[in-house]
Amino acid sequence: MDKLFILLLILFGIGFIYFLFMVSIQFTRINKINLLLGMDVTKLYDNDDDLVDPLTYLIRKCAMFLYKVSVKL
């Protein structure tokens, strides 16, 4: 039972690290688009309503949230 719990904890940790890594990549892409275009990226980026993958959708939304918070600071 303890080995199963440790295995699930390790898998959850790897999944969480993967999620944070993908959010950071997406956040970097949003910042690069902002630097290249010099305009409000939220209007361009929110029009992508391709719900192909729920994980990709969640990653994009989290990265956009981080971008909006960083712009307000």
N, C-alpha and C. Protein backbone atom coordinates (compact mmCIF):
# COMPACT_ATOMS: atom_id res chain seq x y z
N MET A 1 0.81 -1.19 0.00
CA MET A 1 0.00 0.00 0.00
C MET A 1 0.86 1.26 0.00
N ASP A 2 1.94 1.23 0.78
CA ASP A 2 2.83 2.38 0.84
C ASP A 2 3.55 2.60 -0.49
N LYS A 3 3.91 1.52 -1.16
CA LYS A 3 4.59 1.64 -2.45
C LYS A 3 3.67 2.23 -3.51
N LEU A 4 2.41 1.86 -3.46
CA LEU A 4 1.44 2.40 -4.41
C LEU A 4 1.24 3.90 -4.18
N PHE A 5 1.17 4.30 -2.92
CA PHE A 5 1.03 5.72 -2.59
C PHE A 5 2.24 6.51 -3.06
N ILE A 6 3.42 5.99 -2.84
CA ILE A 6 4.65 6.67 -3.27
C ILE A 6 4.70 6.76 -4.79
N LEU A 7 4.30 5.70 -5.48
CA LEU A 7 4.28 5.69 -6.94
C LEU A 7 3.30 6.74 -7.47
N LEU A 8 2.10 6.79 -6.88
CA LEU A 8 1.12 7.79 -7.30
C LEU A 8 1.60 9.20 -7.00
N LEU A 9 2.26 9.39 -5.89
CA LEU A 9 2.80 10.70 -5.53
C LEU A 9 3.89 11.13 -6.52
N ILE A 10 4.73 10.20 -6.92
CA ILE A 10 5.78 10.49 -7.90
C ILE A 10 5.16 10.83 -9.25
N LEU A 11 4.16 10.09 -9.67
CA LEU A 11 3.49 10.37 -10.95
C LEU A 11 2.79 11.72 -10.92
N PHE A 12 2.16 12.04 -9.82
CA PHE A 12 1.53 13.35 -9.68
C PHE A 12 2.57 14.46 -9.74
N GLY A 13 3.69 14.27 -9.08
CA GLY A 13 4.76 15.26 -9.09
C GLY A 13 5.33 15.47 -10.49
N ILE A 14 5.53 14.40 -11.23
CA ILE A 14 6.03 14.51 -12.59
C ILE A 14 5.01 15.22 -13.47
N GLY A 15 3.75 14.90 -13.30
CA GLY A 15 2.70 15.56 -14.08
C GLY A 15 2.60 17.04 -13.76
N PHE A 16 2.75 17.40 -12.50
CA PHE A 16 2.69 18.80 -12.09
C PHE A 16 3.89 19.58 -12.64
N ILE A 17 5.06 18.98 -12.60
CA ILE A 17 6.25 19.62 -13.16
C ILE A 17 6.10 19.80 -14.66
N TYR A 18 5.55 18.81 -15.35
CA TYR A 18 5.30 18.92 -16.79
C TYR A 18 4.33 20.07 -17.08
N PHE A 19 3.27 20.15 -16.29
CA PHE A 19 2.29 21.22 -16.47
C PHE A 19 2.93 22.59 -16.30
N LEU A 20 3.71 22.77 -15.24
CA LEU A 20 4.37 24.06 -15.00
C LEU A 20 5.38 24.38 -16.10
N PHE A 21 6.07 23.39 -16.60
CA PHE A 21 7.02 23.59 -17.68
C PHE A 21 6.30 24.05 -18.95
N MET A 22 5.18 23.44 -19.27
CA MET A 22 4.43 23.82 -20.46
C MET A 22 3.82 25.22 -20.30
N VAL A 23 3.37 25.57 -19.11
CA VAL A 23 2.85 26.91 -18.87
C VAL A 23 3.96 27.94 -19.05
N SER A 24 5.15 27.63 -18.57
CA SER A 24 6.25 28.58 -18.73
C SER A 24 6.64 28.75 -20.19
N ILE A 25 6.60 27.70 -20.98
CA ILE A 25 6.89 27.80 -22.41
C ILE A 25 5.83 28.67 -23.09
N GLN A 26 4.57 28.44 -22.77
CA GLN A 26 3.49 29.22 -23.37
C GLN A 26 3.57 30.69 -22.94
N PHE A 27 3.90 30.94 -21.70
CA PHE A 27 4.06 32.31 -21.19
C PHE A 27 5.19 33.02 -21.92
N THR A 28 6.27 32.32 -22.19
CA THR A 28 7.39 32.89 -22.94
C THR A 28 6.97 33.23 -24.36
N ARG A 29 6.18 32.38 -24.98
CA ARG A 29 5.69 32.66 -26.33
C ARG A 29 4.80 33.90 -26.35
N ILE A 30 3.94 34.03 -25.36
CA ILE A 30 3.06 35.20 -25.29
C ILE A 30 3.89 36.47 -25.13
N ASN A 31 4.91 36.42 -24.28
CA ASN A 31 5.76 37.60 -24.09
C ASN A 31 6.53 37.94 -25.35
N LYS A 32 6.98 36.95 -26.09
CA LYS A 32 7.70 37.22 -27.34
C LYS A 32 6.78 37.85 -28.38
N ILE A 33 5.55 37.38 -28.44
CA ILE A 33 4.58 37.98 -29.37
C ILE A 33 4.33 39.43 -28.98
N ASN A 34 4.22 39.68 -27.69
CA ASN A 34 4.01 41.05 -27.22
C ASN A 34 5.20 41.93 -27.59
N LEU A 35 6.41 41.44 -27.43
CA LEU A 35 7.59 42.23 -27.76
C LEU A 35 7.70 42.46 -29.26
N LEU A 36 7.34 41.47 -30.06
CA LEU A 36 7.43 41.62 -31.51
C LEU A 36 6.38 42.56 -32.07
N LEU A 37 5.15 42.43 -31.60
CA LEU A 37 4.06 43.22 -32.15
C LEU A 37 3.86 44.53 -31.42
N GLY A 38 4.18 44.57 -30.16
CA GLY A 38 4.02 45.78 -29.38
C GLY A 38 2.57 46.19 -29.18
N MET A 39 1.70 45.21 -29.06
CA MET A 39 0.28 45.52 -28.88
C MET A 39 -0.32 44.58 -27.85
N ASP A 40 -1.60 44.73 -27.59
CA ASP A 40 -2.30 43.91 -26.61
C ASP A 40 -2.47 42.49 -27.16
N VAL A 41 -1.77 41.57 -26.56
CA VAL A 41 -1.78 40.18 -27.03
C VAL A 41 -3.05 39.45 -26.60
N THR A 42 -3.70 39.92 -25.55
CA THR A 42 -4.87 39.21 -25.04
C THR A 42 -5.99 39.15 -26.07
N LYS A 43 -6.11 40.17 -26.90
CA LYS A 43 -7.15 40.15 -27.93
C LYS A 43 -6.82 39.15 -29.03
N LEU A 44 -5.56 39.00 -29.34
CA LEU A 44 -5.15 38.03 -30.36
C LEU A 44 -5.25 36.61 -29.85
N TYR A 45 -4.86 36.43 -28.63
CA TYR A 45 -4.69 35.08 -28.10
C TYR A 45 -6.00 34.48 -27.61
N ASP A 46 -6.96 35.30 -27.20
CA ASP A 46 -8.22 34.77 -26.70
C ASP A 46 -9.12 34.25 -27.83
N ASN A 47 -8.80 34.56 -29.06
CA ASN A 47 -9.62 34.09 -30.18
C ASN A 47 -9.34 32.64 -30.54
N ASP A 48 -8.33 32.03 -29.95
CA ASP A 48 -8.05 30.63 -30.20
C ASP A 48 -8.98 29.77 -29.34
N ASP A 49 -10.11 29.39 -29.89
CA ASP A 49 -11.07 28.58 -29.15
C ASP A 49 -11.04 27.13 -29.58
N ASP A 50 -9.88 26.66 -30.02
CA ASP A 50 -9.74 25.26 -30.40
C ASP A 50 -9.65 24.42 -29.14
N LEU A 51 -10.71 23.76 -28.83
CA LEU A 51 -10.73 22.90 -27.65
C LEU A 51 -10.35 21.48 -28.03
N VAL A 52 -9.23 21.36 -28.72
CA VAL A 52 -8.77 20.06 -29.16
C VAL A 52 -8.40 19.20 -27.96
N ASP A 53 -7.70 19.78 -27.04
CA ASP A 53 -7.20 19.04 -25.90
C ASP A 53 -7.47 19.87 -24.64
N PRO A 54 -8.13 19.30 -23.65
CA PRO A 54 -8.42 20.08 -22.43
C PRO A 54 -7.15 20.51 -21.69
N LEU A 55 -6.09 19.70 -21.75
CA LEU A 55 -4.84 20.06 -21.08
C LEU A 55 -4.20 21.27 -21.77
N THR A 56 -4.21 21.29 -23.09
CA THR A 56 -3.67 22.42 -23.84
C THR A 56 -4.48 23.68 -23.55
N TYR A 57 -5.78 23.55 -23.50
CA TYR A 57 -6.65 24.69 -23.18
C TYR A 57 -6.32 25.24 -21.79
N LEU A 58 -6.14 24.35 -20.81
CA LEU A 58 -5.82 24.77 -19.45
C LEU A 58 -4.45 25.43 -19.39
N ILE A 59 -3.49 24.90 -20.12
CA ILE A 59 -2.15 25.48 -20.15
C ILE A 59 -2.20 26.89 -20.74
N ARG A 60 -2.95 27.06 -21.83
CA ARG A 60 -3.06 28.38 -22.45
C ARG A 60 -3.74 29.38 -21.53
N LYS A 61 -4.79 28.95 -20.86
CA LYS A 61 -5.50 29.85 -19.96
C LYS A 61 -4.63 30.25 -18.77
N CYS A 62 -3.87 29.32 -18.22
CA CYS A 62 -2.98 29.64 -17.10
C CYS A 62 -1.87 30.59 -17.54
N ALA A 63 -1.32 30.36 -18.73
CA ALA A 63 -0.26 31.25 -19.23
C ALA A 63 -0.81 32.64 -19.49
N MET A 64 -2.03 32.72 -20.04
CA MET A 64 -2.63 34.03 -20.29
C MET A 64 -2.93 34.74 -18.98
N PHE A 65 -3.36 34.00 -17.97
CA PHE A 65 -3.60 34.60 -16.66
C PHE A 65 -2.30 35.16 -16.08
N LEU A 66 -1.21 34.41 -16.19
CA LEU A 66 0.07 34.90 -15.71
C LEU A 66 0.51 36.14 -16.47
N TYR A 67 0.25 36.16 -17.78
CA TYR A 67 0.61 37.33 -18.59
C TYR A 67 -0.19 38.55 -18.14
N LYS A 68 -1.48 38.39 -17.94
CA LYS A 68 -2.32 39.52 -17.52
C LYS A 68 -1.89 40.04 -16.16
N VAL A 69 -1.53 39.15 -15.25
CA VAL A 69 -1.07 39.57 -13.93
C VAL A 69 0.27 40.29 -14.04
N SER A 70 1.17 39.80 -14.90
CA SER A 70 2.48 40.43 -15.04
C SER A 70 2.38 41.81 -15.70
N VAL A 71 1.41 41.98 -16.59
CA VAL A 71 1.24 43.29 -17.23
C VAL A 71 0.72 44.30 -16.23
N LYS A 72 -0.15 43.87 -15.33
CA LYS A 72 -0.71 44.79 -14.32
C LYS A 72 0.34 45.21 -13.30
N LEU A 73 1.36 44.39 -13.11
CA LEU A 73 2.40 44.75 -12.15
C LEU A 73 3.30 45.76 -12.79
